[in-house]
Amino acid sequence: MPTLIAGIIAVALIYVALNVIKGADPKFLARLIRGGGGVLALAFAAFIGLRGEIAVAIPIGVFGAGLLGWSPFGTKLGAAWGNWGAGARKSDGQKSEVRSQFIEMTLDHDTGALDGRLTSGPEAGRRLDEFTLDDLLALARGFDGESWALLESYLDRRFPAWRQNAQDAAAGRGGGESGRAAASGKMTVEEAYQILGLQRGAGAEEIGRAHRGLMKKLHPDQGGSTYLAARVNEAKDTLLRTHRS
């Protein structure tokens, strides 16, 4: 009887765990798996080390430390496991800025988080996260196409299912779709540096590295923003043309 009860409890726990995993963020799961694997590897390394098998314990310990983002060889080994560990930062707090008539959007290179604020209108100066979804959609009715495209990028991150509940939003705003939103004009070199999060004078290698890092977070195939990805591509082309001229 106790075995039967234990089996029922185990099945119930597995069922609950599978449902949690099914609805969890894949990035969170990846961090959880890597973190758990790192802890287990370090524990196993300590166990066999205490048994005197130091030659085997050391590489296993280094592997576990790498999974957790720690490395006796610097940050490169930790960074190879992803941008989440203590030693795995891929930038020094770099941020990209994209501006339109009504919105200024900031992208954090390390986390991929988007933060925006209004730059025009009666609510100018307020951050987007101060508003509800309905408030933002109401404000967007007066936006130009470029500002609406930026807002869509923000809404996709903050409210992933917002389109299903706001099918008439595009008709009410009077602007174009994000994929067809036109920039306000030819991108300046200063804007290009801001979008890529670089300082003026950055070399071609830095430009390429910043572009690749941003595209991993913004490419539409990865669930990112079509509009922001296009702006990042334009920024790269603008700066590379400047280097060639």
C-alpha atoms as a PDB file:
ATOM      1  CA  MET A   1       0.000   0.000   0.000  1.00  0.00           C
ATOM      2  CA  PRO A   2       2.713   2.598   0.863  1.00  0.00           C
ATOM      3  CA  THR A   3       4.384   1.789  -2.475  1.00  0.00           C
ATOM      4  CA  LEU A   4       1.125   2.404  -4.343  1.00  0.00           C
ATOM      5  CA  ILE A   5       0.616   5.752  -2.607  1.00  0.00           C
ATOM      6  CA  ALA A   6       4.201   6.772  -3.334  1.00  0.00           C
ATOM      7  CA  GLY A   7       3.699   5.833  -6.990  1.00  0.00           C
ATOM      8  CA  ILE A   8       0.518   7.927  -7.241  1.00  0.00           C
ATOM      9  CA  ILE A   9       2.263  10.906  -5.658  1.00  0.00           C
ATOM     10  CA  ALA A  10       5.224  10.514  -8.047  1.00  0.00           C
ATOM     11  CA  VAL A  11       2.913  10.422 -11.090  1.00  0.00           C
ATOM     12  CA  ALA A  12       1.063  13.500  -9.838  1.00  0.00           C
ATOM     13  CA  LEU A  13       4.329  15.395  -9.311  1.00  0.00           C
ATOM     14  CA  ILE A  14       5.558  14.438 -12.775  1.00  0.00           C
ATOM     15  CA  TYR A  15       2.252  15.615 -14.288  1.00  0.00           C
ATOM     16  CA  VAL A  16       2.496  18.970 -12.501  1.00  0.00           C
ATOM     17  CA  ALA A  17       6.152  19.378 -13.509  1.00  0.00           C
ATOM     18  CA  LEU A  18       5.373  18.658 -17.165  1.00  0.00           C
ATOM     19  CA  ASN A  19       2.629  21.295 -17.168  1.00  0.00           C
ATOM     20  CA  VAL A  20       4.965  23.840 -15.580  1.00  0.00           C
ATOM     21  CA  ILE A  21       7.662  23.084 -18.155  1.00  0.00           C
ATOM     22  CA  LYS A  22       5.156  23.309 -21.006  1.00  0.00           C
ATOM     23  CA  GLY A  23       4.167  26.843 -20.056  1.00  0.00           C
ATOM     24  CA  ALA A  24       7.598  28.075 -19.011  1.00  0.00           C
ATOM     25  CA  ASP A  25       9.834  30.460 -20.924  1.00  0.00           C
ATOM     26  CA  PRO A  26      12.405  28.406 -22.923  1.00  0.00           C
ATOM     27  CA  LYS A  27      15.181  30.798 -21.894  1.00  0.00           C
ATOM     28  CA  PHE A  28      14.281  30.306 -18.241  1.00  0.00           C
ATOM     29  CA  LEU A  29      14.298  26.534 -18.710  1.00  0.00           C
ATOM     30  CA  ALA A  30      17.710  26.712 -20.369  1.00  0.00           C
ATOM     31  CA  ARG A  31      19.090  28.708 -17.442  1.00  0.00           C
ATOM     32  CA  LEU A  32      17.496  26.290 -14.986  1.00  0.00           C
ATOM     33  CA  ILE A  33      18.940  23.236 -16.745  1.00  0.00           C
ATOM     34  CA  ARG A  34      22.394  24.777 -17.010  1.00  0.00           C
ATOM     35  CA  GLY A  35      22.330  25.954 -13.416  1.00  0.00           C
ATOM     36  CA  GLY A  36      21.172  22.562 -12.150  1.00  0.00           C
ATOM     37  CA  GLY A  37      23.729  20.792 -14.312  1.00  0.00           C
ATOM     38  CA  GLY A  38      26.479  23.053 -12.993  1.00  0.00           C
ATOM     39  CA  VAL A  39      25.559  22.408  -9.379  1.00  0.00           C
ATOM     40  CA  LEU A  40      25.351  18.641  -9.950  1.00  0.00           C
ATOM     41  CA  ALA A  41      28.702  18.602 -11.766  1.00  0.00           C
ATOM     42  CA  LEU A  42      30.389  20.511  -8.931  1.00  0.00           C
ATOM     43  CA  ALA A  43      28.815  18.218  -6.326  1.00  0.00           C
ATOM     44  CA  PHE A  44      29.973  15.124  -8.232  1.00  0.00           C
ATOM     45  CA  ALA A  45      33.461  16.604  -8.629  1.00  0.00           C
ATOM     46  CA  ALA A  46      33.627  17.234  -4.874  1.00  0.00           C
ATOM     47  CA  PHE A  47      32.446  13.685  -4.147  1.00  0.00           C
ATOM     48  CA  ILE A  48      35.019  11.935  -6.317  1.00  0.00           C
ATOM     49  CA  GLY A  49      37.670  14.410  -5.222  1.00  0.00           C
ATOM     50  CA  LEU A  50      37.136  13.379  -1.616  1.00  0.00           C
ATOM     51  CA  ARG A  51      37.640   9.783  -2.744  1.00  0.00           C
ATOM     52  CA  GLY A  52      41.070  10.758  -4.030  1.00  0.00           C
ATOM     53  CA  GLU A  53      40.312  10.819  -7.778  1.00  0.00           C
ATOM     54  CA  ILE A  54      41.620  14.361  -8.237  1.00  0.00           C
ATOM     55  CA  ALA A  55      42.583  13.902 -11.911  1.00  0.00           C
ATOM     56  CA  VAL A  56      38.948  13.181 -12.767  1.00  0.00           C
ATOM     57  CA  ALA A  57      37.432  15.688 -10.331  1.00  0.00           C
ATOM     58  CA  ILE A  58      39.270  18.737 -11.703  1.00  0.00           C
ATOM     59  CA  PRO A  59      37.924  18.677 -15.312  1.00  0.00           C
ATOM     60  CA  ILE A  60      34.407  17.866 -14.077  1.00  0.00           C
ATOM     61  CA  GLY A  61      34.623  20.763 -11.629  1.00  0.00           C
ATOM     62  CA  VAL A  62      35.826  23.143 -14.356  1.00  0.00           C
ATOM     63  CA  PHE A  63      32.957  21.984 -16.588  1.00  0.00           C
ATOM     64  CA  GLY A  64      30.418  22.595 -13.820  1.00  0.00           C
ATOM     65  CA  ALA A  65      31.899  26.019 -13.100  1.00  0.00           C
ATOM     66  CA  GLY A  66      31.628  26.870 -16.809  1.00  0.00           C
ATOM     67  CA  LEU A  67      27.928  25.974 -16.806  1.00  0.00           C
ATOM     68  CA  LEU A  68      27.435  28.375 -13.898  1.00  0.00           C
ATOM     69  CA  GLY A  69      29.383  31.123 -15.680  1.00  0.00           C
ATOM     70  CA  TRP A  70      32.477  30.857 -13.472  1.00  0.00           C
ATOM     71  CA  SER A  71      35.867  30.183 -14.987  1.00  0.00           C
ATOM     72  CA  PRO A  72      39.455  30.153 -13.728  1.00  0.00           C
ATOM     73  CA  PHE A  73      40.420  31.079 -17.310  1.00  0.00           C
ATOM     74  CA  GLY A  74      38.486  34.346 -17.409  1.00  0.00           C
ATOM     75  CA  THR A  75      35.049  35.187 -18.728  1.00  0.00           C
ATOM     76  CA  LYS A  76      35.381  33.632 -22.184  1.00  0.00           C
ATOM     77  CA  LEU A  77      34.637  30.090 -21.035  1.00  0.00           C
ATOM     78  CA  GLY A  78      31.607  31.197 -19.033  1.00  0.00           C
ATOM     79  CA  ALA A  79      30.360  33.345 -21.902  1.00  0.00           C
ATOM     80  CA  ALA A  80      30.449  30.336 -24.194  1.00  0.00           C
ATOM     81  CA  TRP A  81      27.506  28.905 -22.229  1.00  0.00           C
ATOM     82  CA  GLY A  82      25.264  31.902 -22.783  1.00  0.00           C
ATOM     83  CA  ASN A  83      24.619  35.389 -21.556  1.00  0.00           C
ATOM     84  CA  TRP A  84      23.281  34.560 -18.096  1.00  0.00           C
ATOM     85  CA  GLY A  85      26.060  33.539 -15.742  1.00  0.00           C
ATOM     86  CA  ALA A  86      28.063  35.704 -13.387  1.00  0.00           C
ATOM     87  CA  GLY A  87      31.047  35.743 -15.733  1.00  0.00           C
ATOM     88  CA  ALA A  88      29.125  35.700 -18.978  1.00  0.00           C
ATOM     89  CA  ARG A  89      28.450  39.335 -19.728  1.00  0.00           C
ATOM     90  CA  LYS A  90      28.833  40.099 -23.420  1.00  0.00           C
ATOM     91  CA  SER A  91      28.899  43.874 -23.182  1.00  0.00           C
ATOM     92  CA  ASP A  92      29.784  46.584 -20.710  1.00  0.00           C
ATOM     93  CA  GLY A  93      26.259  47.819 -20.108  1.00  0.00           C
ATOM     94  CA  GLN A  94      25.752  48.754 -23.756  1.00  0.00           C
ATOM     95  CA  LYS A  95      22.347  50.081 -24.742  1.00  0.00           C
ATOM     96  CA  SER A  96      20.812  50.907 -28.104  1.00  0.00           C
ATOM     97  CA  GLU A  97      18.482  53.846 -28.636  1.00  0.00           C
ATOM     98  CA  VAL A  98      15.895  54.270 -31.384  1.00  0.00           C
ATOM     99  CA  ARG A  99      13.799  57.441 -31.598  1.00  0.00           C
ATOM    100  CA  SER A 100      10.661  58.388 -33.476  1.00  0.00           C
ATOM    101  CA  GLN A 101       8.349  61.375 -33.296  1.00  0.00           C
ATOM    102  CA  PHE A 102       6.541  60.103 -30.211  1.00  0.00           C
ATOM    103  CA  ILE A 103       8.734  57.412 -28.628  1.00  0.00           C
ATOM    104  CA  GLU A 104      12.314  56.874 -27.493  1.00  0.00           C
ATOM    105  CA  MET A 105      13.088  53.150 -27.119  1.00  0.00           C
ATOM    106  CA  THR A 106      16.107  51.662 -25.343  1.00  0.00           C
ATOM    107  CA  LEU A 107      17.346  48.094 -25.761  1.00  0.00           C
ATOM    108  CA  ASP A 108      19.660  46.589 -23.147  1.00  0.00           C
ATOM    109  CA  HIS A 109      22.283  44.462 -24.943  1.00  0.00           C
ATOM    110  CA  ASP A 110      22.803  42.110 -21.997  1.00  0.00           C
ATOM    111  CA  THR A 111      19.179  41.277 -21.199  1.00  0.00           C
ATOM    112  CA  GLY A 112      17.373  42.105 -24.447  1.00  0.00           C
ATOM    113  CA  ALA A 113      14.879  44.170 -22.414  1.00  0.00           C
ATOM    114  CA  LEU A 114      13.084  47.047 -24.139  1.00  0.00           C
ATOM    115  CA  ASP A 115      12.313  50.217 -22.211  1.00  0.00           C
ATOM    116  CA  GLY A 116      10.533  53.183 -23.750  1.00  0.00           C
ATOM    117  CA  ARG A 117       9.273  56.635 -22.914  1.00  0.00           C
ATOM    118  CA  LEU A 118       7.018  59.124 -24.653  1.00  0.00           C
ATOM    119  CA  THR A 119       8.740  62.158 -26.142  1.00  0.00           C
ATOM    120  CA  SER A 120       5.758  64.135 -27.480  1.00  0.00           C
ATOM    121  CA  GLY A 121       2.164  64.846 -26.556  1.00  0.00           C
ATOM    122  CA  PRO A 122       0.508  65.494 -23.188  1.00  0.00           C
ATOM    123  CA  GLU A 123       2.143  62.407 -21.631  1.00  0.00           C
ATOM    124  CA  ALA A 124       5.681  63.291 -22.782  1.00  0.00           C
ATOM    125  CA  GLY A 125       8.377  62.118 -20.382  1.00  0.00           C
ATOM    126  CA  ARG A 126       6.429  59.186 -18.966  1.00  0.00           C
ATOM    127  CA  ARG A 127       7.696  55.613 -19.381  1.00  0.00           C
ATOM    128  CA  LEU A 128       5.653  53.118 -21.342  1.00  0.00           C
ATOM    129  CA  ASP A 129       5.534  50.653 -18.451  1.00  0.00           C
ATOM    130  CA  GLU A 130       3.462  53.204 -16.505  1.00  0.00           C
ATOM    131  CA  PHE A 131       0.541  52.568 -18.857  1.00  0.00           C
ATOM    132  CA  THR A 132      -1.825  49.659 -19.280  1.00  0.00           C
ATOM    133  CA  LEU A 133      -2.276  47.952 -22.655  1.00  0.00           C
ATOM    134  CA  ASP A 134      -5.557  49.800 -23.256  1.00  0.00           C
ATOM    135  CA  ASP A 135      -3.903  53.131 -22.402  1.00  0.00           C
ATOM    136  CA  LEU A 136      -1.066  52.499 -24.851  1.00  0.00           C
ATOM    137  CA  LEU A 137      -3.418  51.495 -27.664  1.00  0.00           C
ATOM    138  CA  ALA A 138      -5.468  54.639 -27.056  1.00  0.00           C
ATOM    139  CA  LEU A 139      -2.330  56.806 -27.174  1.00  0.00           C
ATOM    140  CA  ALA A 140      -1.217  55.070 -30.367  1.00  0.00           C
ATOM    141  CA  ARG A 141      -4.212  56.371 -32.325  1.00  0.00           C
ATOM    142  CA  GLY A 142      -2.334  59.605 -32.828  1.00  0.00           C
ATOM    143  CA  PHE A 143       1.027  58.026 -33.678  1.00  0.00           C
ATOM    144  CA  ASP A 144       2.791  58.131 -37.018  1.00  0.00           C
ATOM    145  CA  GLY A 145       3.777  54.828 -38.652  1.00  0.00           C
ATOM    146  CA  GLU A 146       7.308  54.820 -37.245  1.00  0.00           C
ATOM    147  CA  SER A 147       6.161  55.453 -33.674  1.00  0.00           C
ATOM    148  CA  TRP A 148       3.505  52.747 -33.983  1.00  0.00           C
ATOM    149  CA  ALA A 149       6.171  50.291 -35.193  1.00  0.00           C
ATOM    150  CA  LEU A 150       8.300  51.042 -32.126  1.00  0.00           C
ATOM    151  CA  LEU A 151       5.298  50.631 -29.853  1.00  0.00           C
ATOM    152  CA  GLU A 152       4.474  47.280 -31.466  1.00  0.00           C
ATOM    153  CA  SER A 153       7.984  46.070 -30.688  1.00  0.00           C
ATOM    154  CA  TYR A 154       7.492  47.045 -27.051  1.00  0.00           C
ATOM    155  CA  LEU A 155       4.028  45.491 -26.814  1.00  0.00           C
ATOM    156  CA  ASP A 156       5.291  42.219 -28.299  1.00  0.00           C
ATOM    157  CA  ARG A 157       7.760  41.950 -25.407  1.00  0.00           C
ATOM    158  CA  ARG A 158       5.499  43.134 -22.591  1.00  0.00           C
ATOM    159  CA  PHE A 159       2.151  41.699 -23.761  1.00  0.00           C
ATOM    160  CA  PRO A 160       2.954  38.697 -26.008  1.00  0.00           C
ATOM    161  CA  ALA A 161      -0.732  37.980 -26.765  1.00  0.00           C
ATOM    162  CA  TRP A 162      -1.836  41.582 -27.207  1.00  0.00           C
ATOM    163  CA  ARG A 163      -2.620  41.235 -30.933  1.00  0.00           C
ATOM    164  CA  GLN A 164      -5.264  38.590 -30.268  1.00  0.00           C
ATOM    165  CA  ASN A 165      -7.153  41.016 -28.042  1.00  0.00           C
ATOM    166  CA  ALA A 166      -6.649  44.158 -30.119  1.00  0.00           C
ATOM    167  CA  GLN A 167      -7.461  43.189 -33.685  1.00  0.00           C
ATOM    168  CA  ASP A 168      -8.918  46.602 -34.478  1.00  0.00           C
ATOM    169  CA  ALA A 169      -5.930  48.548 -33.090  1.00  0.00           C
ATOM    170  CA  ALA A 170      -4.309  49.081 -36.507  1.00  0.00           C
ATOM    171  CA  ALA A 171      -7.547  50.403 -38.004  1.00  0.00           C
ATOM    172  CA  GLY A 172      -8.000  52.865 -35.149  1.00  0.00           C
ATOM    173  CA  ARG A 173      -4.542  54.387 -35.234  1.00  0.00           C
ATOM    174  CA  GLY A 174      -4.427  55.569 -38.859  1.00  0.00           C
ATOM    175  CA  GLY A 175      -0.823  54.391 -39.431  1.00  0.00           C
ATOM    176  CA  GLY A 176       0.928  51.649 -41.412  1.00  0.00           C
ATOM    177  CA  GLU A 177       1.880  48.140 -40.390  1.00  0.00           C
ATOM    178  CA  SER A 178       5.158  47.761 -38.530  1.00  0.00           C
ATOM    179  CA  GLY A 179       6.721  45.829 -41.381  1.00  0.00           C
ATOM    180  CA  ARG A 180       5.997  48.719 -43.753  1.00  0.00           C
ATOM    181  CA  ALA A 181       6.653  51.625 -41.416  1.00  0.00           C
ATOM    182  CA  ALA A 182       9.022  54.056 -43.040  1.00  0.00           C
ATOM    183  CA  ALA A 183      11.795  55.792 -41.159  1.00  0.00           C
ATOM    184  CA  SER A 184      11.485  59.541 -40.834  1.00  0.00           C
ATOM    185  CA  GLY A 185      14.427  60.103 -43.166  1.00  0.00           C
ATOM    186  CA  LYS A 186      17.935  59.007 -44.060  1.00  0.00           C
ATOM    187  CA  MET A 187      19.670  57.688 -40.958  1.00  0.00           C
ATOM    188  CA  THR A 188      22.471  59.893 -39.661  1.00  0.00           C
ATOM    189  CA  VAL A 189      25.791  58.549 -38.470  1.00  0.00           C
ATOM    190  CA  GLU A 190      24.967  59.663 -34.917  1.00  0.00           C
ATOM    191  CA  GLU A 191      21.669  57.766 -34.991  1.00  0.00           C
ATOM    192  CA  ALA A 192      23.456  54.681 -36.306  1.00  0.00           C
ATOM    193  CA  TYR A 193      25.927  54.760 -33.397  1.00  0.00           C
ATOM    194  CA  GLN A 194      23.053  55.119 -30.922  1.00  0.00           C
ATOM    195  CA  ILE A 195      21.081  52.235 -32.442  1.00  0.00           C
ATOM    196  CA  LEU A 196      24.074  49.893 -32.267  1.00  0.00           C
ATOM    197  CA  GLY A 197      25.010  51.168 -28.813  1.00  0.00           C
ATOM    198  CA  LEU A 198      28.510  52.202 -29.922  1.00  0.00           C
ATOM    199  CA  GLN A 199      30.727  55.181 -29.317  1.00  0.00           C
ATOM    200  CA  ARG A 200      31.683  57.408 -32.234  1.00  0.00           C
ATOM    201  CA  GLY A 201      34.817  56.084 -33.924  1.00  0.00           C
ATOM    202  CA  ALA A 202      34.037  52.398 -33.376  1.00  0.00           C
ATOM    203  CA  GLY A 203      35.814  50.153 -35.880  1.00  0.00           C
ATOM    204  CA  ALA A 204      34.306  47.835 -38.459  1.00  0.00           C
ATOM    205  CA  GLU A 205      34.902  44.811 -36.224  1.00  0.00           C
ATOM    206  CA  GLU A 206      33.030  46.431 -33.327  1.00  0.00           C
ATOM    207  CA  ILE A 207      30.196  47.402 -35.664  1.00  0.00           C
ATOM    208  CA  GLY A 208      29.890  43.846 -36.945  1.00  0.00           C
ATOM    209  CA  ARG A 209      29.992  42.378 -33.438  1.00  0.00           C
ATOM    210  CA  ALA A 210      27.318  44.768 -32.136  1.00  0.00           C
ATOM    211  CA  HIS A 211      25.140  44.059 -35.171  1.00  0.00           C
ATOM    212  CA  ARG A 212      25.374  40.292 -34.738  1.00  0.00           C
ATOM    213  CA  GLY A 213      24.596  40.485 -31.032  1.00  0.00           C
ATOM    214  CA  LEU A 214      21.538  42.670 -31.575  1.00  0.00           C
ATOM    215  CA  MET A 215      20.208  40.572 -34.440  1.00  0.00           C
ATOM    216  CA  LYS A 216      20.263  37.481 -32.220  1.00  0.00           C
ATOM    217  CA  LYS A 217      17.825  39.289 -29.941  1.00  0.00           C
ATOM    218  CA  LEU A 218      15.760  41.129 -32.568  1.00  0.00           C
ATOM    219  CA  HIS A 219      15.632  38.921 -35.660  1.00  0.00           C
ATOM    220  CA  PRO A 220      11.997  38.073 -36.559  1.00  0.00           C
ATOM    221  CA  ASP A 221      12.892  34.372 -36.836  1.00  0.00           C
ATOM    222  CA  GLN A 222      13.798  34.486 -33.132  1.00  0.00           C
ATOM    223  CA  GLY A 223      10.531  36.144 -32.150  1.00  0.00           C
ATOM    224  CA  GLY A 224      11.987  39.642 -32.372  1.00  0.00           C
ATOM    225  CA  SER A 225      10.882  42.825 -34.086  1.00  0.00           C
ATOM    226  CA  THR A 226      10.877  43.195 -37.880  1.00  0.00           C
ATOM    227  CA  TYR A 227      11.056  46.962 -37.585  1.00  0.00           C
ATOM    228  CA  LEU A 228      13.902  47.092 -35.052  1.00  0.00           C
ATOM    229  CA  ALA A 229      15.849  44.441 -36.969  1.00  0.00           C
ATOM    230  CA  ALA A 230      15.554  46.589 -40.097  1.00  0.00           C
ATOM    231  CA  ARG A 231      16.798  49.638 -38.196  1.00  0.00           C
ATOM    232  CA  VAL A 232      19.781  47.678 -36.835  1.00  0.00           C
ATOM    233  CA  ASN A 233      20.648  46.540 -40.378  1.00  0.00           C
ATOM    234  CA  GLU A 234      20.370  50.123 -41.617  1.00  0.00           C
ATOM    235  CA  ALA A 235      22.626  51.347 -38.796  1.00  0.00           C
ATOM    236  CA  LYS A 236      25.293  48.778 -39.667  1.00  0.00           C
ATOM    237  CA  ASP A 237      25.181  49.693 -43.371  1.00  0.00           C
ATOM    238  CA  THR A 238      25.335  53.416 -42.560  1.00  0.00           C
ATOM    239  CA  LEU A 239      28.448  53.068 -40.407  1.00  0.00           C
ATOM    240  CA  LEU A 240      30.222  50.666 -42.759  1.00  0.00           C
ATOM    241  CA  ARG A 241      29.616  53.087 -45.651  1.00  0.00           C
ATOM    242  CA  THR A 242      31.185  55.813 -43.523  1.00  0.00           C
ATOM    243  CA  HIS A 243      34.255  53.634 -42.946  1.00  0.00           C
ATOM    244  CA  ARG A 244      34.627  52.914 -46.661  1.00  0.00           C
ATOM    245  CA  SER A 245      34.291  56.561 -47.699  1.00  0.00           C
END
